[in-house]
Amino acid sequence: MGTAQVLVTSIAIAANGFSGIAALLRFKAILPGMAKAGVPQSWLIFPIGTAKTAGASGLLAGLVWPPIGIAAAAGLVLFFVCAVYTHVLARDYSAQFGLAIGFLALNSVTLAVALS
């Protein structure tokens, strides 16, 4: 495992972990963006917050056993593809749409370095 992989994965762990915890705690700053995208508040704990924190945990475990990290990164990529699609479908091009694209890019890079 190279330095680049550990660095990118660590950034992804922190970002996805923070985002997941923000959803689990129903952080007020994310509520308007979720509403614009048509996401019900009842989804913030499960599936959104749970999926993000589980993904971050899987990335962390992947530093010890790489197959778990690969699976977690792939799951997060799929999650954020769906998030971007949800924003596009709702015609919501707010800051949270940009964040979804950023998270998709970060998790895609994490997956790519894990596979290399």
C-alpha atoms as a PDB file:
ATOM      1  CA  MET A   1       0.000   0.000   0.000  1.00  0.00           C
ATOM      2  CA  GLY A   2       1.556   3.243  -1.150  1.00  0.00           C
ATOM      3  CA  THR A   3       1.618   6.689   0.359  1.00  0.00           C
ATOM      4  CA  ALA A   4      -0.809   8.061  -2.241  1.00  0.00           C
ATOM      5  CA  GLN A   5      -3.342   5.355  -1.446  1.00  0.00           C
ATOM      6  CA  VAL A   6      -3.131   5.959   2.293  1.00  0.00           C
ATOM      7  CA  LEU A   7      -3.425   9.736   1.791  1.00  0.00           C
ATOM      8  CA  VAL A   8      -6.392   9.592  -0.592  1.00  0.00           C
ATOM      9  CA  THR A   9      -8.126   6.947   1.506  1.00  0.00           C
ATOM     10  CA  SER A  10      -7.595   8.959   4.703  1.00  0.00           C
ATOM     11  CA  ILE A  11      -9.147  12.036   3.090  1.00  0.00           C
ATOM     12  CA  ALA A  12     -12.082   9.925   1.891  1.00  0.00           C
ATOM     13  CA  ILE A  13     -12.532   8.423   5.376  1.00  0.00           C
ATOM     14  CA  ALA A  14     -12.644  11.880   6.964  1.00  0.00           C
ATOM     15  CA  ALA A  15     -14.939  13.384   4.333  1.00  0.00           C
ATOM     16  CA  ASN A  16     -17.416  10.485   4.180  1.00  0.00           C
ATOM     17  CA  GLY A  17     -17.346  10.088   7.959  1.00  0.00           C
ATOM     18  CA  PHE A  18     -18.121  13.771   8.521  1.00  0.00           C
ATOM     19  CA  SER A  19     -20.849  13.726   5.882  1.00  0.00           C
ATOM     20  CA  GLY A  20     -22.386  10.574   7.344  1.00  0.00           C
ATOM     21  CA  ILE A  21     -22.359  11.920  10.879  1.00  0.00           C
ATOM     22  CA  ALA A  22     -23.867  15.217   9.661  1.00  0.00           C
ATOM     23  CA  ALA A  23     -26.719  13.226   8.111  1.00  0.00           C
ATOM     24  CA  LEU A  24     -27.179  11.059  11.197  1.00  0.00           C
ATOM     25  CA  LEU A  25     -27.354  14.167  13.404  1.00  0.00           C
ATOM     26  CA  ARG A  26     -29.608  15.963  10.894  1.00  0.00           C
ATOM     27  CA  PHE A  27     -27.184  18.878  10.646  1.00  0.00           C
ATOM     28  CA  LYS A  28     -29.324  21.925   9.878  1.00  0.00           C
ATOM     29  CA  ALA A  29     -27.078  23.150   7.054  1.00  0.00           C
ATOM     30  CA  ILE A  30     -27.816  20.101   4.895  1.00  0.00           C
ATOM     31  CA  LEU A  31     -31.598  20.119   5.311  1.00  0.00           C
ATOM     32  CA  PRO A  32     -32.451  22.771   2.668  1.00  0.00           C
ATOM     33  CA  GLY A  33     -30.323  21.034   0.020  1.00  0.00           C
ATOM     34  CA  MET A  34     -31.901  17.687   0.775  1.00  0.00           C
ATOM     35  CA  ALA A  35     -35.360  19.232   0.503  1.00  0.00           C
ATOM     36  CA  LYS A  36     -34.475  20.839  -2.860  1.00  0.00           C
ATOM     37  CA  ALA A  37     -33.361  17.451  -4.131  1.00  0.00           C
ATOM     38  CA  GLY A  38     -36.618  15.875  -2.956  1.00  0.00           C
ATOM     39  CA  VAL A  39     -34.994  13.727  -0.274  1.00  0.00           C
ATOM     40  CA  PRO A  40     -37.248  13.190   2.758  1.00  0.00           C
ATOM     41  CA  GLN A  41     -35.741  13.959   6.168  1.00  0.00           C
ATOM     42  CA  SER A  42     -36.711  10.469   7.269  1.00  0.00           C
ATOM     43  CA  TRP A  43     -33.968   9.143   4.942  1.00  0.00           C
ATOM     44  CA  LEU A  44     -31.175  11.053   6.681  1.00  0.00           C
ATOM     45  CA  ILE A  45     -30.521   8.352   9.279  1.00  0.00           C
ATOM     46  CA  PHE A  46     -31.264   5.340   7.112  1.00  0.00           C
ATOM     47  CA  PRO A  47     -30.164   4.933   4.374  1.00  0.00           C
ATOM     48  CA  ILE A  48     -28.078   8.099   3.842  1.00  0.00           C
ATOM     49  CA  GLY A  49     -26.195   8.576   7.120  1.00  0.00           C
ATOM     50  CA  THR A  50     -25.836   4.856   7.684  1.00  0.00           C
ATOM     51  CA  ALA A  51     -24.447   4.219   4.198  1.00  0.00           C
ATOM     52  CA  LYS A  52     -21.908   7.037   4.400  1.00  0.00           C
ATOM     53  CA  THR A  53     -20.616   6.096   7.855  1.00  0.00           C
ATOM     54  CA  ALA A  54     -20.512   2.410   6.939  1.00  0.00           C
ATOM     55  CA  GLY A  55     -18.571   3.338   3.813  1.00  0.00           C
ATOM     56  CA  ALA A  56     -16.091   5.388   5.831  1.00  0.00           C
ATOM     57  CA  SER A  57     -15.710   2.503   8.284  1.00  0.00           C
ATOM     58  CA  GLY A  58     -15.146   0.102   5.392  1.00  0.00           C
ATOM     59  CA  LEU A  59     -12.460   2.367   3.944  1.00  0.00           C
ATOM     60  CA  LEU A  60     -10.765   2.418   7.351  1.00  0.00           C
ATOM     61  CA  ALA A  61     -10.922  -1.376   7.604  1.00  0.00           C
ATOM     62  CA  GLY A  62      -9.569  -1.518   4.060  1.00  0.00           C
ATOM     63  CA  LEU A  63      -6.297  -0.022   5.259  1.00  0.00           C
ATOM     64  CA  VAL A  64      -5.805  -3.339   7.084  1.00  0.00           C
ATOM     65  CA  TRP A  65      -7.531  -5.700   4.638  1.00  0.00           C
ATOM     66  CA  PRO A  66      -7.715  -4.166   1.129  1.00  0.00           C
ATOM     67  CA  PRO A  67     -10.716  -6.157  -0.222  1.00  0.00           C
ATOM     68  CA  ILE A  68     -12.975  -4.460   2.330  1.00  0.00           C
ATOM     69  CA  GLY A  69     -11.682  -1.053   1.266  1.00  0.00           C
ATOM     70  CA  ILE A  70     -12.288  -1.843  -2.392  1.00  0.00           C
ATOM     71  CA  ALA A  71     -15.853  -2.928  -1.638  1.00  0.00           C
ATOM     72  CA  ALA A  72     -16.456   0.170   0.499  1.00  0.00           C
ATOM     73  CA  ALA A  73     -15.063   2.502  -2.160  1.00  0.00           C
ATOM     74  CA  ALA A  74     -17.190   0.827  -4.840  1.00  0.00           C
ATOM     75  CA  GLY A  75     -20.266   1.166  -2.636  1.00  0.00           C
ATOM     76  CA  LEU A  76     -19.565   4.851  -2.019  1.00  0.00           C
ATOM     77  CA  VAL A  77     -19.075   5.457  -5.747  1.00  0.00           C
ATOM     78  CA  LEU A  78     -22.448   3.828  -6.410  1.00  0.00           C
ATOM     79  CA  PHE A  79     -24.047   5.843  -3.595  1.00  0.00           C
ATOM     80  CA  PHE A  80     -22.784   9.138  -5.000  1.00  0.00           C
ATOM     81  CA  VAL A  81     -23.725   8.236  -8.584  1.00  0.00           C
ATOM     82  CA  CYS A  82     -27.254   7.869  -7.225  1.00  0.00           C
ATOM     83  CA  ALA A  83     -26.920  11.147  -5.284  1.00  0.00           C
ATOM     84  CA  VAL A  84     -25.822  13.045  -8.397  1.00  0.00           C
ATOM     85  CA  TYR A  85     -28.659  11.449 -10.362  1.00  0.00           C
ATOM     86  CA  THR A  86     -31.145  12.470  -7.661  1.00  0.00           C
ATOM     87  CA  HIS A  87     -30.004  16.095  -7.856  1.00  0.00           C
ATOM     88  CA  VAL A  88     -30.155  16.097 -11.667  1.00  0.00           C
ATOM     89  CA  LEU A  89     -33.609  14.500 -11.637  1.00  0.00           C
ATOM     90  CA  ALA A  90     -34.839  17.201  -9.238  1.00  0.00           C
ATOM     91  CA  ARG A  91     -33.069  19.902 -11.299  1.00  0.00           C
ATOM     92  CA  ASP A  92     -31.247  20.922  -8.124  1.00  0.00           C
ATOM     93  CA  TYR A  93     -27.897  22.422  -8.994  1.00  0.00           C
ATOM     94  CA  SER A  94     -27.237  23.885  -5.557  1.00  0.00           C
ATOM     95  CA  ALA A  95     -24.043  23.674  -3.531  1.00  0.00           C
ATOM     96  CA  GLN A  96     -24.992  20.182  -2.369  1.00  0.00           C
ATOM     97  CA  PHE A  97     -25.056  19.057  -5.998  1.00  0.00           C
ATOM     98  CA  GLY A  98     -21.474  20.270  -6.259  1.00  0.00           C
ATOM     99  CA  LEU A  99     -20.600  18.424  -3.072  1.00  0.00           C
ATOM    100  CA  ALA A 100     -22.132  15.225  -4.441  1.00  0.00           C
ATOM    101  CA  ILE A 101     -19.960  15.558  -7.552  1.00  0.00           C
ATOM    102  CA  GLY A 102     -16.912  16.199  -5.355  1.00  0.00           C
ATOM    103  CA  PHE A 103     -17.643  13.150  -3.213  1.00  0.00           C
ATOM    104  CA  LEU A 104     -18.165  11.063  -6.345  1.00  0.00           C
ATOM    105  CA  ALA A 105     -14.776  12.186  -7.669  1.00  0.00           C
ATOM    106  CA  LEU A 106     -13.032  11.584  -4.329  1.00  0.00           C
ATOM    107  CA  ASN A 107     -14.477   8.108  -3.926  1.00  0.00           C
ATOM    108  CA  SER A 108     -13.748   7.262  -7.572  1.00  0.00           C
ATOM    109  CA  VAL A 109     -10.098   8.201  -7.061  1.00  0.00           C
ATOM    110  CA  THR A 110     -10.053   6.192  -3.833  1.00  0.00           C
ATOM    111  CA  LEU A 111     -11.392   3.166  -5.702  1.00  0.00           C
ATOM    112  CA  ALA A 112      -8.923   3.637  -8.546  1.00  0.00           C
ATOM    113  CA  VAL A 113      -5.872   3.793  -6.261  1.00  0.00           C
ATOM    114  CA  ALA A 114      -7.147   0.829  -4.266  1.00  0.00           C
ATOM    115  CA  LEU A 115      -7.418  -1.223  -7.458  1.00  0.00           C
ATOM    116  CA  SER A 116      -3.985  -0.210  -8.754  1.00  0.00           C
END
